[in-house]
């Protein structure tokens, strides 16, 4: 009797789920993946500033880690400009230029 019983796994539950269930599950997953913006102290900001200035002078490949909409995003390229008025870093990668607000930067490092 047990040999004739085929388990369909998750398929058997899909038909019982309402659209509201799916929406709530997606929202729950998004909440689990959310990362709070890291709070940096003065030493962290000093290290970021020093790395950015060094990368600009040496024109070395740089990795910038930023916090954006609850996620950590990586940018890699060469620093072309540090704009003090707009508080942004202009970075060039093979796909074009990116304008990165300084307030979103979490960490930086020179790759070479």
PDB file of N, CA and C in Angstrom:
ATOM      1  N   UNK A   1       0.815  -1.186   0.000  1.00  0.00           N
ATOM      2  CA  UNK A   1       0.000   0.000   0.000  1.00  0.00           C
ATOM      3  C   UNK A   1       0.865   1.258   0.000  1.00  0.00           C
ATOM      4  N   UNK A   2       1.954   1.257   0.765  1.00  0.00           N
ATOM      5  CA  UNK A   2       2.822   2.420   0.840  1.00  0.00           C
ATOM      6  C   UNK A   2       3.586   2.610  -0.459  1.00  0.00           C
ATOM      7  N   UNK A   3       3.928   1.511  -1.144  1.00  0.00           N
ATOM      8  CA  UNK A   3       4.668   1.632  -2.394  1.00  0.00           C
ATOM      9  C   UNK A   3       3.857   2.353  -3.464  1.00  0.00           C
ATOM     10  N   UNK A   4       2.552   2.246  -3.432  1.00  0.00           N
ATOM     11  CA  UNK A   4       1.694   2.883  -4.423  1.00  0.00           C
ATOM     12  C   UNK A   4       1.482   4.371  -4.148  1.00  0.00           C
ATOM     13  N   UNK A   5       1.847   4.848  -2.981  1.00  0.00           N
ATOM     14  CA  UNK A   5       1.661   6.252  -2.606  1.00  0.00           C
ATOM     15  C   UNK A   5       2.847   7.067  -3.101  1.00  0.00           C
ATOM     16  N   UNK A   6       2.587   7.957  -4.060  1.00  0.00           N
ATOM     17  CA  UNK A   6       3.676   8.793  -4.585  1.00  0.00           C
ATOM     18  C   UNK A   6       3.578  10.172  -3.954  1.00  0.00           C
ATOM     19  N   UNK A   7       4.658  10.604  -3.362  1.00  0.00           N
ATOM     20  CA  UNK A   7       4.695  11.936  -2.752  1.00  0.00           C
ATOM     21  C   UNK A   7       5.036  12.963  -3.818  1.00  0.00           C
ATOM     22  N   UNK A   8       4.224  14.008  -3.915  1.00  0.00           N
ATOM     23  CA  UNK A   8       4.459  15.044  -4.918  1.00  0.00           C
ATOM     24  C   UNK A   8       5.272  16.211  -4.354  1.00  0.00           C
ATOM     25  N   UNK A   9       5.774  16.090  -3.149  1.00  0.00           N
ATOM     26  CA  UNK A   9       6.609  17.140  -2.570  1.00  0.00           C
ATOM     27  C   UNK A   9       5.848  18.440  -2.367  1.00  0.00           C
ATOM     28  N   UNK A  10       6.443  19.535  -2.799  1.00  0.00           N
ATOM     29  CA  UNK A  10       5.843  20.860  -2.616  1.00  0.00           C
ATOM     30  C   UNK A  10       4.645  21.095  -3.530  1.00  0.00           C
ATOM     31  N   UNK A  11       4.537  20.323  -4.582  1.00  0.00           N
ATOM     32  CA  UNK A  11       3.460  20.523  -5.554  1.00  0.00           C
ATOM     33  C   UNK A  11       2.094  20.384  -4.888  1.00  0.00           C
ATOM     34  N   UNK A  12       1.951  19.451  -3.954  1.00  0.00           N
ATOM     35  CA  UNK A  12       0.646  19.223  -3.329  1.00  0.00           C
ATOM     36  C   UNK A  12       0.197  20.429  -2.499  1.00  0.00           C
ATOM     37  N   UNK A  13       1.110  21.262  -2.024  1.00  0.00           N
ATOM     38  CA  UNK A  13       0.745  22.422  -1.209  1.00  0.00           C
ATOM     39  C   UNK A  13       0.485  23.656  -2.056  1.00  0.00           C
ATOM     40  N   UNK A  14       1.014  23.706  -3.248  1.00  0.00           N
ATOM     41  CA  UNK A  14       0.860  24.879  -4.101  1.00  0.00           C
ATOM     42  C   UNK A  14      -0.602  25.172  -4.403  1.00  0.00           C
ATOM     43  N   UNK A  15      -1.396  24.163  -4.628  1.00  0.00           N
ATOM     44  CA  UNK A  15      -2.806  24.381  -4.959  1.00  0.00           C
ATOM     45  C   UNK A  15      -3.592  24.931  -3.780  1.00  0.00           C
ATOM     46  N   UNK A  16      -3.118  24.740  -2.570  1.00  0.00           N
ATOM     47  CA  UNK A  16      -3.816  25.233  -1.381  1.00  0.00           C
ATOM     48  C   UNK A  16      -3.427  26.659  -1.009  1.00  0.00           C
ATOM     49  N   UNK A  17      -2.417  27.211  -1.643  1.00  0.00           N
ATOM     50  CA  UNK A  17      -1.939  28.547  -1.289  1.00  0.00           C
ATOM     51  C   UNK A  17      -2.758  29.616  -1.996  1.00  0.00           C
ATOM     52  N   UNK A  18      -3.129  30.625  -1.242  1.00  0.00           N
ATOM     53  CA  UNK A  18      -3.844  31.774  -1.786  1.00  0.00           C
ATOM     54  C   UNK A  18      -2.841  32.835  -2.212  1.00  0.00           C
ATOM     55  N   UNK A  19      -3.223  33.746  -3.096  1.00  0.00           N
ATOM     56  CA  UNK A  19      -2.315  34.839  -3.473  1.00  0.00           C
ATOM     57  C   UNK A  19      -1.831  35.644  -2.266  1.00  0.00           C
ATOM     58  N   UNK A  20      -2.686  35.766  -1.250  1.00  0.00           N
ATOM     59  CA  UNK A  20      -2.295  36.486  -0.033  1.00  0.00           C
ATOM     60  C   UNK A  20      -1.160  35.768   0.685  1.00  0.00           C
ATOM     61  N   UNK A  21      -1.187  34.437   0.639  1.00  0.00           N
ATOM     62  CA  UNK A  21      -0.116  33.661   1.263  1.00  0.00           C
ATOM     63  C   UNK A  21       1.213  33.918   0.560  1.00  0.00           C
ATOM     64  N   UNK A  22       1.186  33.886  -0.763  1.00  0.00           N
ATOM     65  CA  UNK A  22       2.411  34.115  -1.535  1.00  0.00           C
ATOM     66  C   UNK A  22       2.956  35.513  -1.291  1.00  0.00           C
ATOM     67  N   UNK A  23       2.055  36.501  -1.252  1.00  0.00           N
ATOM     68  CA  UNK A  23       2.486  37.882  -1.009  1.00  0.00           C
ATOM     69  C   UNK A  23       3.137  38.006   0.363  1.00  0.00           C
ATOM     70  N   UNK A  24       2.537  37.395   1.369  1.00  0.00           N
ATOM     71  CA  UNK A  24       3.083  37.450   2.729  1.00  0.00           C
ATOM     72  C   UNK A  24       4.427  36.714   2.810  1.00  0.00           C
ATOM     73  N   UNK A  25       4.550  35.584   2.128  1.00  0.00           N
ATOM     74  CA  UNK A  25       5.820  34.852   2.129  1.00  0.00           C
ATOM     75  C   UNK A  25       6.933  35.668   1.480  1.00  0.00           C
ATOM     76  N   UNK A  26       6.620  36.352   0.371  1.00  0.00           N
ATOM     77  CA  UNK A  26       7.625  37.203  -0.284  1.00  0.00           C
ATOM     78  C   UNK A  26       8.032  38.363   0.616  1.00  0.00           C
ATOM     79  N   UNK A  27       7.056  38.963   1.289  1.00  0.00           N
ATOM     80  CA  UNK A  27       7.349  40.074   2.202  1.00  0.00           C
ATOM     81  C   UNK A  27       8.205  39.590   3.369  1.00  0.00           C
ATOM     82  N   UNK A  28       7.891  38.420   3.881  1.00  0.00           N
ATOM     83  CA  UNK A  28       8.643  37.840   4.987  1.00  0.00           C
ATOM     84  C   UNK A  28      10.087  37.573   4.566  1.00  0.00           C
ATOM     85  N   UNK A  29      10.283  37.052   3.359  1.00  0.00           N
ATOM     86  CA  UNK A  29      11.627  36.797   2.842  1.00  0.00           C
ATOM     87  C   UNK A  29      12.403  38.098   2.688  1.00  0.00           C
ATOM     88  N   UNK A  30      11.738  39.148   2.194  1.00  0.00           N
ATOM     89  CA  UNK A  30      12.399  40.446   2.032  1.00  0.00           C
ATOM     90  C   UNK A  30      12.815  41.012   3.383  1.00  0.00           C
ATOM     91  N   UNK A  31      11.987  40.828   4.411  1.00  0.00           N
ATOM     92  CA  UNK A  31      12.329  41.299   5.754  1.00  0.00           C
ATOM     93  C   UNK A  31      13.534  40.544   6.302  1.00  0.00           C
ATOM     94  N   UNK A  32      13.612  39.250   6.028  1.00  0.00           N
ATOM     95  CA  UNK A  32      14.743  38.453   6.504  1.00  0.00           C
ATOM     96  C   UNK A  32      16.048  38.873   5.836  1.00  0.00           C
ATOM     97  N   UNK A  33      15.990  39.254   4.568  1.00  0.00           N
ATOM     98  CA  UNK A  33      17.186  39.628   3.818  1.00  0.00           C
ATOM     99  C   UNK A  33      17.635  41.060   4.085  1.00  0.00           C
ATOM    100  N   UNK A  34      16.807  41.870   4.744  1.00  0.00           N
ATOM    101  CA  UNK A  34      17.112  43.288   4.970  1.00  0.00           C
ATOM    102  C   UNK A  34      18.279  43.433   5.948  1.00  0.00           C
ATOM    103  N   UNK A  35      19.218  44.326   5.617  1.00  0.00           N
ATOM    104  CA  UNK A  35      20.374  44.615   6.467  1.00  0.00           C
ATOM    105  C   UNK A  35      20.282  46.073   6.893  1.00  0.00           C
ATOM    106  N   UNK A  36      20.389  46.327   8.201  1.00  0.00           N
ATOM    107  CA  UNK A  36      20.391  47.706   8.685  1.00  0.00           C
ATOM    108  C   UNK A  36      21.661  48.411   8.229  1.00  0.00           C
ATOM    109  N   UNK A  37      21.548  49.729   8.026  1.00  0.00           N
ATOM    110  CA  UNK A  37      22.716  50.490   7.592  1.00  0.00           C
ATOM    111  C   UNK A  37      23.761  50.492   8.706  1.00  0.00           C
ATOM    112  N   UNK A  38      24.992  50.081   8.393  1.00  0.00           N
ATOM    113  CA  UNK A  38      26.045  50.067   9.410  1.00  0.00           C
ATOM    114  C   UNK A  38      26.350  51.479   9.909  1.00  0.00           C
ATOM    115  N   UNK A  39      26.565  51.597  11.210  1.00  0.00           N
ATOM    116  CA  UNK A  39      26.925  52.875  11.814  1.00  0.00           C
ATOM    117  C   UNK A  39      28.450  52.945  11.903  1.00  0.00           C
ATOM    118  N   UNK A  40      29.038  53.903  11.206  1.00  0.00           N
ATOM    119  CA  UNK A  40      30.490  54.046  11.177  1.00  0.00           C
ATOM    120  C   UNK A  40      30.929  55.102  12.180  1.00  0.00           C
ATOM    121  N   UNK A  41      32.071  54.861  12.822  1.00  0.00           N
ATOM    122  CA  UNK A  41      32.619  55.866  13.734  1.00  0.00           C
ATOM    123  C   UNK A  41      33.658  56.712  12.990  1.00  0.00           C
ATOM    124  N   UNK A  42      34.251  57.654  13.690  1.00  0.00           N
ATOM    125  CA  UNK A  42      35.181  58.591  13.061  1.00  0.00           C
ATOM    126  C   UNK A  42      36.400  57.881  12.474  1.00  0.00           C
ATOM    127  N   UNK A  43      36.884  56.854  13.138  1.00  0.00           N
ATOM    128  CA  UNK A  43      38.038  56.100  12.634  1.00  0.00           C
ATOM    129  C   UNK A  43      37.710  55.425  11.299  1.00  0.00           C
ATOM    130  N   UNK A  44      36.509  54.868  11.195  1.00  0.00           N
ATOM    131  CA  UNK A  44      36.088  54.247   9.933  1.00  0.00           C
ATOM    132  C   UNK A  44      36.054  55.279   8.810  1.00  0.00           C
ATOM    133  N   UNK A  45      35.478  56.470   9.085  1.00  0.00           N
ATOM    134  CA  UNK A  45      35.399  57.526   8.066  1.00  0.00           C
ATOM    135  C   UNK A  45      36.793  58.005   7.666  1.00  0.00           C
ATOM    136  N   UNK A  46      37.708  58.083   8.638  1.00  0.00           N
ATOM    137  CA  UNK A  46      39.086  58.488   8.327  1.00  0.00           C
ATOM    138  C   UNK A  46      39.760  57.463   7.413  1.00  0.00           C
ATOM    139  N   UNK A  47      39.552  56.177   7.694  1.00  0.00           N
ATOM    140  CA  UNK A  47      40.129  55.120   6.851  1.00  0.00           C
ATOM    141  C   UNK A  47      39.549  55.158   5.438  1.00  0.00           C
ATOM    142  N   UNK A  48      38.247  55.386   5.328  1.00  0.00           N
ATOM    143  CA  UNK A  48      37.602  55.482   4.014  1.00  0.00           C
ATOM    144  C   UNK A  48      38.173  56.659   3.239  1.00  0.00           C
ATOM    145  N   UNK A  49      38.303  57.807   3.909  1.00  0.00           N
ATOM    146  CA  UNK A  49      38.838  59.002   3.243  1.00  0.00           C
ATOM    147  C   UNK A  49      40.272  58.773   2.773  1.00  0.00           C
ATOM    148  N   UNK A  50      41.085  58.180   3.622  1.00  0.00           N
ATOM    149  CA  UNK A  50      42.483  57.923   3.261  1.00  0.00           C
ATOM    150  C   UNK A  50      42.577  56.965   2.066  1.00  0.00           C
ATOM    151  N   UNK A  51      41.785  55.917   2.078  1.00  0.00           N
ATOM    152  CA  UNK A  51      41.796  54.950   0.974  1.00  0.00           C
ATOM    153  C   UNK A  51      41.340  55.594  -0.327  1.00  0.00           C
ATOM    154  N   UNK A  52      40.276  56.414  -0.274  1.00  0.00           N
ATOM    155  CA  UNK A  52      39.780  57.080  -1.476  1.00  0.00           C
ATOM    156  C   UNK A  52      40.812  58.047  -2.051  1.00  0.00           C
ATOM    157  N   UNK A  53      41.467  58.817  -1.178  1.00  0.00           N
ATOM    158  CA  UNK A  53      42.485  59.760  -1.650  1.00  0.00           C
ATOM    159  C   UNK A  53      43.674  59.029  -2.261  1.00  0.00           C
ATOM    160  N   UNK A  54      44.104  57.942  -1.635  1.00  0.00           N
ATOM    161  CA  UNK A  54      45.210  57.146  -2.171  1.00  0.00           C
ATOM    162  C   UNK A  54      44.834  56.544  -3.524  1.00  0.00           C
ATOM    163  N   UNK A  55      43.617  56.016  -3.614  1.00  0.00           N
ATOM    164  CA  UNK A  55      43.157  55.412  -4.873  1.00  0.00           C
ATOM    165  C   UNK A  55      43.066  56.453  -5.984  1.00  0.00           C
ATOM    166  N   UNK A  56      42.659  57.665  -5.650  1.00  0.00           N
ATOM    167  CA  UNK A  56      42.571  58.735  -6.647  1.00  0.00           C
ATOM    168  C   UNK A  56      43.964  59.121  -7.149  1.00  0.00           C
ATOM    169  N   UNK A  57      44.920  59.253  -6.236  1.00  0.00           N
ATOM    170  CA  UNK A  57      46.282  59.637  -6.621  1.00  0.00           C
ATOM    171  C   UNK A  57      46.974  58.548  -7.439  1.00  0.00           C
ATOM    172  N   UNK A  58      46.842  57.297  -7.008  1.00  0.00           N
ATOM    173  CA  UNK A  58      47.526  56.187  -7.675  1.00  0.00           C
ATOM    174  C   UNK A  58      46.761  55.633  -8.868  1.00  0.00           C
ATOM    175  N   UNK A  59      45.491  55.997  -8.995  1.00  0.00           N
ATOM    176  CA  UNK A  59      44.616  55.466 -10.057  1.00  0.00           C
ATOM    177  C   UNK A  59      44.606  53.941 -10.051  1.00  0.00           C
ATOM    178  N   UNK A  60      44.521  53.383  -8.848  1.00  0.00           N
ATOM    179  CA  UNK A  60      44.487  51.923  -8.730  1.00  0.00           C
ATOM    180  C   UNK A  60      43.039  51.427  -8.726  1.00  0.00           C
ATOM    181  N   UNK A  61      42.884  50.169  -9.031  1.00  0.00           N
ATOM    182  CA  UNK A  61      41.569  49.523  -9.003  1.00  0.00           C
ATOM    183  C   UNK A  61      41.082  49.506  -7.552  1.00  0.00           C
ATOM    184  N   UNK A  62      39.850  49.936  -7.335  1.00  0.00           N
ATOM    185  CA  UNK A  62      39.318  50.097  -5.987  1.00  0.00           C
ATOM    186  C   UNK A  62      37.975  49.393  -5.862  1.00  0.00           C
ATOM    187  N   UNK A  63      37.754  48.814  -4.696  1.00  0.00           N
ATOM    188  CA  UNK A  63      36.454  48.217  -4.395  1.00  0.00           C
ATOM    189  C   UNK A  63      35.776  49.076  -3.337  1.00  0.00           C
ATOM    190  N   UNK A  64      34.557  49.499  -3.623  1.00  0.00           N
ATOM    191  CA  UNK A  64      33.769  50.281  -2.676  1.00  0.00           C
ATOM    192  C   UNK A  64      32.532  49.469  -2.332  1.00  0.00           C
ATOM    193  N   UNK A  65      32.320  49.289  -1.042  1.00  0.00           N
ATOM    194  CA  UNK A  65      31.149  48.568  -0.562  1.00  0.00           C
ATOM    195  C   UNK A  65      30.164  49.602  -0.030  1.00  0.00           C
ATOM    196  N   UNK A  66      28.919  49.602  -0.563  1.00  0.00           N
ATOM    197  CA  UNK A  66      27.925  50.583  -0.126  1.00  0.00           C
ATOM    198  C   UNK A  66      26.682  49.873   0.401  1.00  0.00           C
ATOM    199  N   UNK A  67      25.929  50.598   1.234  1.00  0.00           N
ATOM    200  CA  UNK A  67      24.636  50.130   1.710  1.00  0.00           C
ATOM    201  C   UNK A  67      23.573  50.810   0.869  1.00  0.00           C
ATOM    202  N   UNK A  68      22.674  50.021   0.272  1.00  0.00           N
ATOM    203  CA  UNK A  68      21.642  50.587  -0.589  1.00  0.00           C
ATOM    204  C   UNK A  68      20.362  49.770  -0.446  1.00  0.00           C
ATOM    205  N   UNK A  69      19.321  50.398   0.031  1.00  0.00           N
ATOM    206  CA  UNK A  69      17.997  49.772   0.152  1.00  0.00           C
ATOM    207  C   UNK A  69      18.035  48.452   0.919  1.00  0.00           C
ATOM    208  N   UNK A  70      18.771  48.419   2.017  1.00  0.00           N
ATOM    209  CA  UNK A  70      18.803  47.230   2.854  1.00  0.00           C
ATOM    210  C   UNK A  70      19.720  46.131   2.375  1.00  0.00           C
ATOM    211  N   UNK A  71      20.567  46.423   1.404  1.00  0.00           N
ATOM    212  CA  UNK A  71      21.508  45.433   0.880  1.00  0.00           C
ATOM    213  C   UNK A  71      22.903  46.050   0.810  1.00  0.00           C
ATOM    214  N   UNK A  72      23.912  45.196   0.819  1.00  0.00           N
ATOM    215  CA  UNK A  72      25.286  45.630   0.603  1.00  0.00           C
ATOM    216  C   UNK A  72      25.602  45.390  -0.872  1.00  0.00           C
ATOM    217  N   UNK A  73      26.049  46.459  -1.550  1.00  0.00           N
ATOM    218  CA  UNK A  73      26.345  46.407  -2.983  1.00  0.00           C
ATOM    219  C   UNK A  73      27.826  46.738  -3.178  1.00  0.00           C
ATOM    220  N   UNK A  74      28.484  46.008  -4.072  1.00  0.00           N
ATOM    221  CA  UNK A  74      29.899  46.224  -4.359  1.00  0.00           C
ATOM    222  C   UNK A  74      30.064  46.954  -5.687  1.00  0.00           C
ATOM    223  N   UNK A  75      30.965  47.940  -5.689  1.00  0.00           N
ATOM    224  CA  UNK A  75      31.355  48.640  -6.913  1.00  0.00           C
ATOM    225  C   UNK A  75      32.860  48.481  -7.055  1.00  0.00           C
ATOM    226  N   UNK A  76      33.322  48.251  -8.271  1.00  0.00           N
ATOM    227  CA  UNK A  76      34.751  48.104  -8.516  1.00  0.00           C
ATOM    228  C   UNK A  76      35.126  48.915  -9.741  1.00  0.00           C
ATOM    229  N   UNK A  77      36.210  49.651  -9.629  1.00  0.00           N
ATOM    230  CA  UNK A  77      36.683  50.467 -10.734  1.00  0.00           C
ATOM    231  C   UNK A  77      37.755  51.432 -10.258  1.00  0.00           C
ATOM    232  N   UNK A  78      38.001  52.467 -11.064  1.00  0.00           N
ATOM    233  CA  UNK A  78      38.999  53.480 -10.714  1.00  0.00           C
ATOM    234  C   UNK A  78      38.288  54.765 -10.311  1.00  0.00           C
ATOM    235  N   UNK A  79      38.800  55.391  -9.256  1.00  0.00           N
ATOM    236  CA  UNK A  79      38.244  56.657  -8.782  1.00  0.00           C
ATOM    237  C   UNK A  79      38.694  57.753  -9.739  1.00  0.00           C
ATOM    238  N   UNK A  80      37.745  58.466 -10.322  1.00  0.00           N
ATOM    239  CA  UNK A  80      38.057  59.555 -11.246  1.00  0.00           C
ATOM    240  C   UNK A  80      37.965  60.913 -10.574  1.00  0.00           C
ATOM    241  N   UNK A  81      37.098  61.021  -9.556  1.00  0.00           N
ATOM    242  CA  UNK A  81      36.906  62.322  -8.919  1.00  0.00           C
ATOM    243  C   UNK A  81      36.264  62.125  -7.552  1.00  0.00           C
ATOM    244  N   UNK A  82      36.651  62.985  -6.616  1.00  0.00           N
ATOM    245  CA  UNK A  82      35.969  63.080  -5.332  1.00  0.00           C
ATOM    246  C   UNK A  82      35.379  64.478  -5.281  1.00  0.00           C
ATOM    247  N   UNK A  83      34.060  64.570  -5.397  1.00  0.00           N
ATOM    248  CA  UNK A  83      33.375  65.856  -5.453  1.00  0.00           C
ATOM    249  C   UNK A  83      32.941  66.253  -4.047  1.00  0.00           C
ATOM    250  N   UNK A  84      33.585  67.274  -3.498  1.00  0.00           N
ATOM    251  CA  UNK A  84      33.307  67.704  -2.131  1.00  0.00           C
ATOM    252  C   UNK A  84      31.962  68.425  -2.043  1.00  0.00           C
ATOM    253  N   UNK A  85      31.610  69.211  -3.074  1.00  0.00           N
ATOM    254  CA  UNK A  85      30.349  69.955  -3.057  1.00  0.00           C
ATOM    255  C   UNK A  85      29.141  69.016  -3.006  1.00  0.00           C
ATOM    256  N   UNK A  86      29.126  68.012  -3.847  1.00  0.00           N
ATOM    257  CA  UNK A  86      27.975  67.096  -3.884  1.00  0.00           C
ATOM    258  C   UNK A  86      28.167  65.880  -2.975  1.00  0.00           C
ATOM    259  N   UNK A  87      29.312  65.810  -2.294  1.00  0.00           N
ATOM    260  CA  UNK A  87      29.636  64.703  -1.384  1.00  0.00           C
ATOM    261  C   UNK A  87      29.451  63.355  -2.083  1.00  0.00           C
ATOM    262  N   UNK A  88      30.155  63.215  -3.200  1.00  0.00           N
ATOM    263  CA  UNK A  88      30.046  61.988  -3.992  1.00  0.00           C
ATOM    264  C   UNK A  88      31.402  61.600  -4.557  1.00  0.00           C
ATOM    265  N   UNK A  89      31.527  60.323  -4.852  1.00  0.00           N
ATOM    266  CA  UNK A  89      32.719  59.771  -5.486  1.00  0.00           C
ATOM    267  C   UNK A  89      32.312  59.347  -6.894  1.00  0.00           C
ATOM    268  N   UNK A  90      33.089  59.777  -7.883  1.00  0.00           N
ATOM    269  CA  UNK A  90      32.847  59.375  -9.267  1.00  0.00           C
ATOM    270  C   UNK A  90      33.809  58.235  -9.573  1.00  0.00           C
ATOM    271  N   UNK A  91      33.242  57.082  -9.910  1.00  0.00           N
ATOM    272  CA  UNK A  91      34.041  55.886 -10.170  1.00  0.00           C
ATOM    273  C   UNK A  91      33.772  55.422 -11.597  1.00  0.00           C
ATOM    274  N   UNK A  92      34.848  55.026 -12.273  1.00  0.00           N
ATOM    275  CA  UNK A  92      34.706  54.542 -13.644  1.00  0.00           C
ATOM    276  C   UNK A  92      35.035  53.055 -13.687  1.00  0.00           C
ATOM    277  N   UNK A  93      34.125  52.296 -14.288  1.00  0.00           N
ATOM    278  CA  UNK A  93      34.356  50.872 -14.506  1.00  0.00           C
ATOM    279  C   UNK A  93      34.184  50.590 -15.997  1.00  0.00           C
ATOM    280  N   UNK A  94      34.360  49.368 -16.446  1.00  0.00           N
ATOM    281  CA  UNK A  94      34.247  49.088 -17.893  1.00  0.00           C
ATOM    282  C   UNK A  94      32.883  49.438 -18.500  1.00  0.00           C
ATOM    283  N   UNK A  95      31.852  49.584 -17.678  1.00  0.00           N
ATOM    284  CA  UNK A  95      30.506  49.853 -18.180  1.00  0.00           C
ATOM    285  C   UNK A  95      30.144  51.328 -18.158  1.00  0.00           C
ATOM    286  N   UNK A  96      31.000  52.172 -17.616  1.00  0.00           N
ATOM    287  CA  UNK A  96      30.716  53.606 -17.560  1.00  0.00           C
ATOM    288  C   UNK A  96      31.067  54.184 -16.202  1.00  0.00           C
ATOM    289  N   UNK A  97      30.516  55.373 -15.938  1.00  0.00           N
ATOM    290  CA  UNK A  97      30.803  56.061 -14.680  1.00  0.00           C
ATOM    291  C   UNK A  97      29.641  55.900 -13.711  1.00  0.00           C
ATOM    292  N   UNK A  98      29.981  55.744 -12.436  1.00  0.00           N
ATOM    293  CA  UNK A  98      28.995  55.671 -11.361  1.00  0.00           C
ATOM    294  C   UNK A  98      29.239  56.820 -10.401  1.00  0.00           C
ATOM    295  N   UNK A  99      28.157  57.416  -9.940  1.00  0.00           N
ATOM    296  CA  UNK A  99      28.231  58.462  -8.920  1.00  0.00           C
ATOM    297  C   UNK A  99      27.766  57.828  -7.614  1.00  0.00           C
ATOM    298  N   UNK A 100      28.673  57.756  -6.640  1.00  0.00           N
ATOM    299  CA  UNK A 100      28.386  57.077  -5.377  1.00  0.00           C
ATOM    300  C   UNK A 100      28.348  58.111  -4.253  1.00  0.00           C
ATOM    301  N   UNK A 101      27.196  58.288  -3.594  1.00  0.00           N
ATOM    302  CA  UNK A 101      27.126  59.209  -2.455  1.00  0.00           C
ATOM    303  C   UNK A 101      28.007  58.707  -1.308  1.00  0.00           C
ATOM    304  N   UNK A 102      28.777  59.608  -0.733  1.00  0.00           N
ATOM    305  CA  UNK A 102      29.721  59.234   0.328  1.00  0.00           C
ATOM    306  C   UNK A 102      28.987  58.661   1.535  1.00  0.00           C
ATOM    307  N   UNK A 103      27.807  59.175   1.839  1.00  0.00           N
ATOM    308  CA  UNK A 103      27.071  58.735   3.026  1.00  0.00           C
ATOM    309  C   UNK A 103      26.687  57.257   2.957  1.00  0.00           C
ATOM    310  N   UNK A 104      26.630  56.680   1.758  1.00  0.00           N
ATOM    311  CA  UNK A 104      26.254  55.272   1.601  1.00  0.00           C
ATOM    312  C   UNK A 104      27.448  54.324   1.676  1.00  0.00           C
ATOM    313  N   UNK A 105      28.667  54.863   1.658  1.00  0.00           N
ATOM    314  CA  UNK A 105      29.866  54.013   1.655  1.00  0.00           C
ATOM    315  C   UNK A 105      30.037  53.336   3.011  1.00  0.00           C
ATOM    316  N   UNK A 106      30.287  52.037   2.975  1.00  0.00           N
ATOM    317  CA  UNK A 106      30.511  51.246   4.177  1.00  0.00           C
ATOM    318  C   UNK A 106      31.998  50.953   4.348  1.00  0.00           C
ATOM    319  N   UNK A 107      32.682  50.613   3.241  1.00  0.00           N
ATOM    320  CA  UNK A 107      34.121  50.363   3.307  1.00  0.00           C
ATOM    321  C   UNK A 107      34.729  50.496   1.916  1.00  0.00           C
ATOM    322  N   UNK A 108      36.044  50.681   1.898  1.00  0.00           N
ATOM    323  CA  UNK A 108      36.789  50.796   0.646  1.00  0.00           C
ATOM    324  C   UNK A 108      38.105  50.039   0.783  1.00  0.00           C
ATOM    325  N   UNK A 109      38.630  49.616  -0.369  1.00  0.00           N
ATOM    326  CA  UNK A 109      39.974  49.028  -0.363  1.00  0.00           C
ATOM    327  C   UNK A 109      40.557  49.083  -1.764  1.00  0.00           C
ATOM    328  N   UNK A 110      41.869  49.307  -1.815  1.00  0.00           N
ATOM    329  CA  UNK A 110      42.600  49.282  -3.085  1.00  0.00           C
ATOM    330  C   UNK A 110      42.929  47.824  -3.396  1.00  0.00           C
ATOM    331  N   UNK A 111      42.713  47.442  -4.644  1.00  0.00           N
ATOM    332  CA  UNK A 111      42.935  46.049  -5.020  1.00  0.00           C
ATOM    333  C   UNK A 111      44.340  45.787  -5.540  1.00  0.00           C
ATOM    334  N   UNK A 112      45.081  46.840  -5.912  1.00  0.00           N
ATOM    335  CA  UNK A 112      46.459  46.631  -6.371  1.00  0.00           C
ATOM    336  C   UNK A 112      47.334  47.771  -5.963  1.00  0.00           C
TER     337      UNK A 112
END
